[in-house]
Amino acid sequence: MTPKYKRMVAGMARAEKAIPKRRRKKNWSVYILICSDGTLYTGATNDIKRRLSTHNNGTGARYTRSRRPVTLVYQENSMTRPQALTRECAIKALSKKDKEGIIAVGKGLLALSWPRVPNG
């Protein structure tokens, strides 16, 4: 995770702590797509159906525009935005083989220790 990204996520975590727990929205998801050329793309969103549609319409991420159609192969739900962005970064740091392992096993690998939200 780059220092700039760490600072951004840490700032979001501090802002989130200021919000009472009952009002924190846990509607963010982390997802992995498989592109038409066999590569994997990882992202985070609060509306997975809309985001998948934008990827397939060519208006999503620049990476997926030339690799359509894309297929959703994995997603993790019920996260706050800082948690989702931190998890996305952790997944992006994995090798393709490790990502394929996560996809194959599904949510069973969530027991792996991944950084949640940095403390500052």
C-alpha atoms as a PDB file:
ATOM      1  CA  MET A   1       0.000   0.000   0.000  1.00  0.00           C
ATOM      2  CA  THR A   2       1.480   3.334  -0.971  1.00  0.00           C
ATOM      3  CA  PRO A   3       1.956   5.998   1.726  1.00  0.00           C
ATOM      4  CA  LYS A   4      -0.584   8.286   0.054  1.00  0.00           C
ATOM      5  CA  TYR A   5      -3.194   5.502  -0.025  1.00  0.00           C
ATOM      6  CA  LYS A   6      -2.441   4.633   3.618  1.00  0.00           C
ATOM      7  CA  ARG A   7      -3.026   8.242   4.659  1.00  0.00           C
ATOM      8  CA  MET A   8      -6.296   8.371   2.730  1.00  0.00           C
ATOM      9  CA  VAL A   9      -7.610   5.158   4.308  1.00  0.00           C
ATOM     10  CA  ALA A  10      -6.440   6.265   7.756  1.00  0.00           C
ATOM     11  CA  GLY A  11      -8.291   9.573   7.331  1.00  0.00           C
ATOM     12  CA  MET A  12     -11.470   7.737   6.325  1.00  0.00           C
ATOM     13  CA  ALA A  13     -11.098   5.461   9.356  1.00  0.00           C
ATOM     14  CA  ARG A  14     -10.809   8.472  11.677  1.00  0.00           C
ATOM     15  CA  ALA A  15     -13.863  10.060  10.070  1.00  0.00           C
ATOM     16  CA  GLU A  16     -15.757   6.799  10.395  1.00  0.00           C
ATOM     17  CA  LYS A  17     -14.973   6.548  14.113  1.00  0.00           C
ATOM     18  CA  ALA A  18     -16.651   9.930  14.588  1.00  0.00           C
ATOM     19  CA  ILE A  19     -19.921   8.453  13.287  1.00  0.00           C
ATOM     20  CA  PRO A  20     -21.924   6.492  15.877  1.00  0.00           C
ATOM     21  CA  LYS A  21     -21.768   2.733  15.262  1.00  0.00           C
ATOM     22  CA  ARG A  22     -25.490   2.474  14.603  1.00  0.00           C
ATOM     23  CA  ARG A  23     -25.172   4.938  11.689  1.00  0.00           C
ATOM     24  CA  ARG A  24     -22.097   3.424   9.993  1.00  0.00           C
ATOM     25  CA  LYS A  25     -23.025   2.039   6.607  1.00  0.00           C
ATOM     26  CA  LYS A  26     -21.701  -1.427   5.879  1.00  0.00           C
ATOM     27  CA  ASN A  27     -22.848  -1.635   2.295  1.00  0.00           C
ATOM     28  CA  TRP A  28     -19.473  -1.736   0.529  1.00  0.00           C
ATOM     29  CA  SER A  29     -18.171  -4.782  -1.333  1.00  0.00           C
ATOM     30  CA  VAL A  30     -14.824  -5.920  -2.679  1.00  0.00           C
ATOM     31  CA  TYR A  31     -14.989  -7.910  -5.890  1.00  0.00           C
ATOM     32  CA  ILE A  32     -12.779  -9.784  -8.329  1.00  0.00           C
ATOM     33  CA  LEU A  33     -13.595  -9.954 -12.032  1.00  0.00           C
ATOM     34  CA  ILE A  34     -12.136 -12.247 -14.648  1.00  0.00           C
ATOM     35  CA  CYS A  35     -11.584 -10.489 -17.951  1.00  0.00           C
ATOM     36  CA  SER A  36     -11.952 -12.004 -21.421  1.00  0.00           C
ATOM     37  CA  ASP A  37      -8.162 -12.391 -21.697  1.00  0.00           C
ATOM     38  CA  GLY A  38      -7.992 -14.350 -18.407  1.00  0.00           C
ATOM     39  CA  THR A  39      -6.588 -11.545 -16.259  1.00  0.00           C
ATOM     40  CA  LEU A  40      -8.089 -10.630 -12.908  1.00  0.00           C
ATOM     41  CA  TYR A  41      -9.343  -7.198 -11.833  1.00  0.00           C
ATOM     42  CA  THR A  42     -10.064  -6.248  -8.214  1.00  0.00           C
ATOM     43  CA  GLY A  43     -12.228  -3.335  -7.119  1.00  0.00           C
ATOM     44  CA  ALA A  44     -14.497  -1.968  -4.398  1.00  0.00           C
ATOM     45  CA  THR A  45     -17.993  -0.529  -4.745  1.00  0.00           C
ATOM     46  CA  ASN A  46     -21.227   0.127  -2.896  1.00  0.00           C
ATOM     47  CA  ASP A  47     -23.394  -1.107  -5.813  1.00  0.00           C
ATOM     48  CA  ILE A  48     -22.012  -4.289  -7.364  1.00  0.00           C
ATOM     49  CA  LYS A  49     -24.687  -4.650 -10.079  1.00  0.00           C
ATOM     50  CA  ARG A  50     -24.174  -1.100 -11.336  1.00  0.00           C
ATOM     51  CA  ARG A  51     -20.391  -1.441 -11.242  1.00  0.00           C
ATOM     52  CA  LEU A  52     -20.404  -4.730 -13.171  1.00  0.00           C
ATOM     53  CA  SER A  53     -22.661  -3.112 -15.750  1.00  0.00           C
ATOM     54  CA  THR A  54     -20.298  -0.143 -16.168  1.00  0.00           C
ATOM     55  CA  HIS A  55     -17.343  -2.497 -16.620  1.00  0.00           C
ATOM     56  CA  ASN A  56     -19.177  -4.428 -19.336  1.00  0.00           C
ATOM     57  CA  ASN A  57     -20.436  -1.262 -21.054  1.00  0.00           C
ATOM     58  CA  GLY A  58     -16.897   0.048 -21.391  1.00  0.00           C
ATOM     59  CA  THR A  59     -17.427   2.980 -19.035  1.00  0.00           C
ATOM     60  CA  GLY A  60     -15.842   1.337 -15.983  1.00  0.00           C
ATOM     61  CA  ALA A  61     -12.155   1.120 -15.187  1.00  0.00           C
ATOM     62  CA  ARG A  62      -9.690   1.801 -17.976  1.00  0.00           C
ATOM     63  CA  TYR A  63      -8.148  -1.642 -17.412  1.00  0.00           C
ATOM     64  CA  THR A  64     -11.373  -3.505 -18.192  1.00  0.00           C
ATOM     65  CA  ARG A  65     -12.421  -1.414 -21.219  1.00  0.00           C
ATOM     66  CA  SER A  66     -10.313  -3.418 -23.645  1.00  0.00           C
ATOM     67  CA  ARG A  67     -10.869  -6.729 -21.877  1.00  0.00           C
ATOM     68  CA  ARG A  68     -14.635  -7.091 -22.110  1.00  0.00           C
ATOM     69  CA  PRO A  69     -16.762  -8.952 -21.283  1.00  0.00           C
ATOM     70  CA  VAL A  70     -15.882  -9.346 -17.630  1.00  0.00           C
ATOM     71  CA  THR A  71     -17.421 -11.845 -15.236  1.00  0.00           C
ATOM     72  CA  LEU A  72     -17.843 -11.502 -11.483  1.00  0.00           C
ATOM     73  CA  VAL A  73     -16.083 -14.443  -9.833  1.00  0.00           C
ATOM     74  CA  TYR A  74     -15.766 -13.334  -6.200  1.00  0.00           C
ATOM     75  CA  GLN A  75     -17.137 -10.753  -3.805  1.00  0.00           C
ATOM     76  CA  GLU A  76     -17.012  -9.920  -0.107  1.00  0.00           C
ATOM     77  CA  ASN A  77     -19.905  -7.899   1.317  1.00  0.00           C
ATOM     78  CA  SER A  78     -20.859  -5.888   4.399  1.00  0.00           C
ATOM     79  CA  MET A  79     -17.853  -3.647   4.840  1.00  0.00           C
ATOM     80  CA  THR A  80     -17.484   0.019   5.549  1.00  0.00           C
ATOM     81  CA  ARG A  81     -15.688   2.052   2.885  1.00  0.00           C
ATOM     82  CA  PRO A  82     -12.283   2.096   4.663  1.00  0.00           C
ATOM     83  CA  GLN A  83     -12.480  -1.650   5.270  1.00  0.00           C
ATOM     84  CA  ALA A  84     -13.362  -2.285   1.627  1.00  0.00           C
ATOM     85  CA  LEU A  85     -10.552  -0.104   0.270  1.00  0.00           C
ATOM     86  CA  THR A  86      -8.018  -1.694   2.617  1.00  0.00           C
ATOM     87  CA  ARG A  87      -9.154  -5.187   1.646  1.00  0.00           C
ATOM     88  CA  GLU A  88      -9.041  -4.243  -2.050  1.00  0.00           C
ATOM     89  CA  CYS A  89      -5.445  -3.094  -1.643  1.00  0.00           C
ATOM     90  CA  ALA A  90      -4.527  -6.285   0.218  1.00  0.00           C
ATOM     91  CA  ILE A  91      -6.026  -8.456  -2.540  1.00  0.00           C
ATOM     92  CA  LYS A  92      -4.292  -6.433  -5.255  1.00  0.00           C
ATOM     93  CA  ALA A  93      -0.958  -7.113  -3.531  1.00  0.00           C
ATOM     94  CA  LEU A  94      -1.471 -10.887  -3.851  1.00  0.00           C
ATOM     95  CA  SER A  95      -0.120 -12.935  -6.738  1.00  0.00           C
ATOM     96  CA  LYS A  96      -2.504 -14.209  -9.393  1.00  0.00           C
ATOM     97  CA  LYS A  97      -2.137 -17.716  -7.955  1.00  0.00           C
ATOM     98  CA  ASP A  98      -3.186 -16.494  -4.494  1.00  0.00           C
ATOM     99  CA  LYS A  99      -6.159 -14.614  -5.956  1.00  0.00           C
ATOM    100  CA  GLU A 100      -7.224 -17.763  -7.804  1.00  0.00           C
ATOM    101  CA  GLY A 101      -6.991 -19.605  -4.474  1.00  0.00           C
ATOM    102  CA  ILE A 102      -9.307 -17.079  -2.849  1.00  0.00           C
ATOM    103  CA  ILE A 103     -11.746 -17.477  -5.725  1.00  0.00           C
ATOM    104  CA  ALA A 104     -11.592 -21.293  -5.567  1.00  0.00           C
ATOM    105  CA  VAL A 105     -12.072 -21.556  -1.830  1.00  0.00           C
ATOM    106  CA  GLY A 106     -14.514 -18.679  -1.637  1.00  0.00           C
ATOM    107  CA  LYS A 107     -15.028 -17.012   1.681  1.00  0.00           C
ATOM    108  CA  GLY A 108     -13.228 -19.775   3.569  1.00  0.00           C
ATOM    109  CA  LEU A 109      -9.963 -17.855   3.226  1.00  0.00           C
ATOM    110  CA  LEU A 110     -11.252 -14.806   5.074  1.00  0.00           C
ATOM    111  CA  ALA A 111      -9.509 -16.178   8.141  1.00  0.00           C
ATOM    112  CA  LEU A 112      -6.227 -15.022   6.599  1.00  0.00           C
ATOM    113  CA  SER A 113      -4.879 -12.073   8.470  1.00  0.00           C
ATOM    114  CA  TRP A 114      -5.293  -9.029   6.300  1.00  0.00           C
ATOM    115  CA  PRO A 115      -4.983  -5.478   7.483  1.00  0.00           C
ATOM    116  CA  ARG A 116      -8.342  -4.049   8.402  1.00  0.00           C
ATOM    117  CA  VAL A 117      -8.017  -0.317   8.966  1.00  0.00           C
ATOM    118  CA  PRO A 118      -4.645   1.257   9.783  1.00  0.00           C
ATOM    119  CA  ASN A 119      -4.403   2.936  13.186  1.00  0.00           C
ATOM    120  CA  GLY A 120      -2.935   6.103  11.818  1.00  0.00           C
END
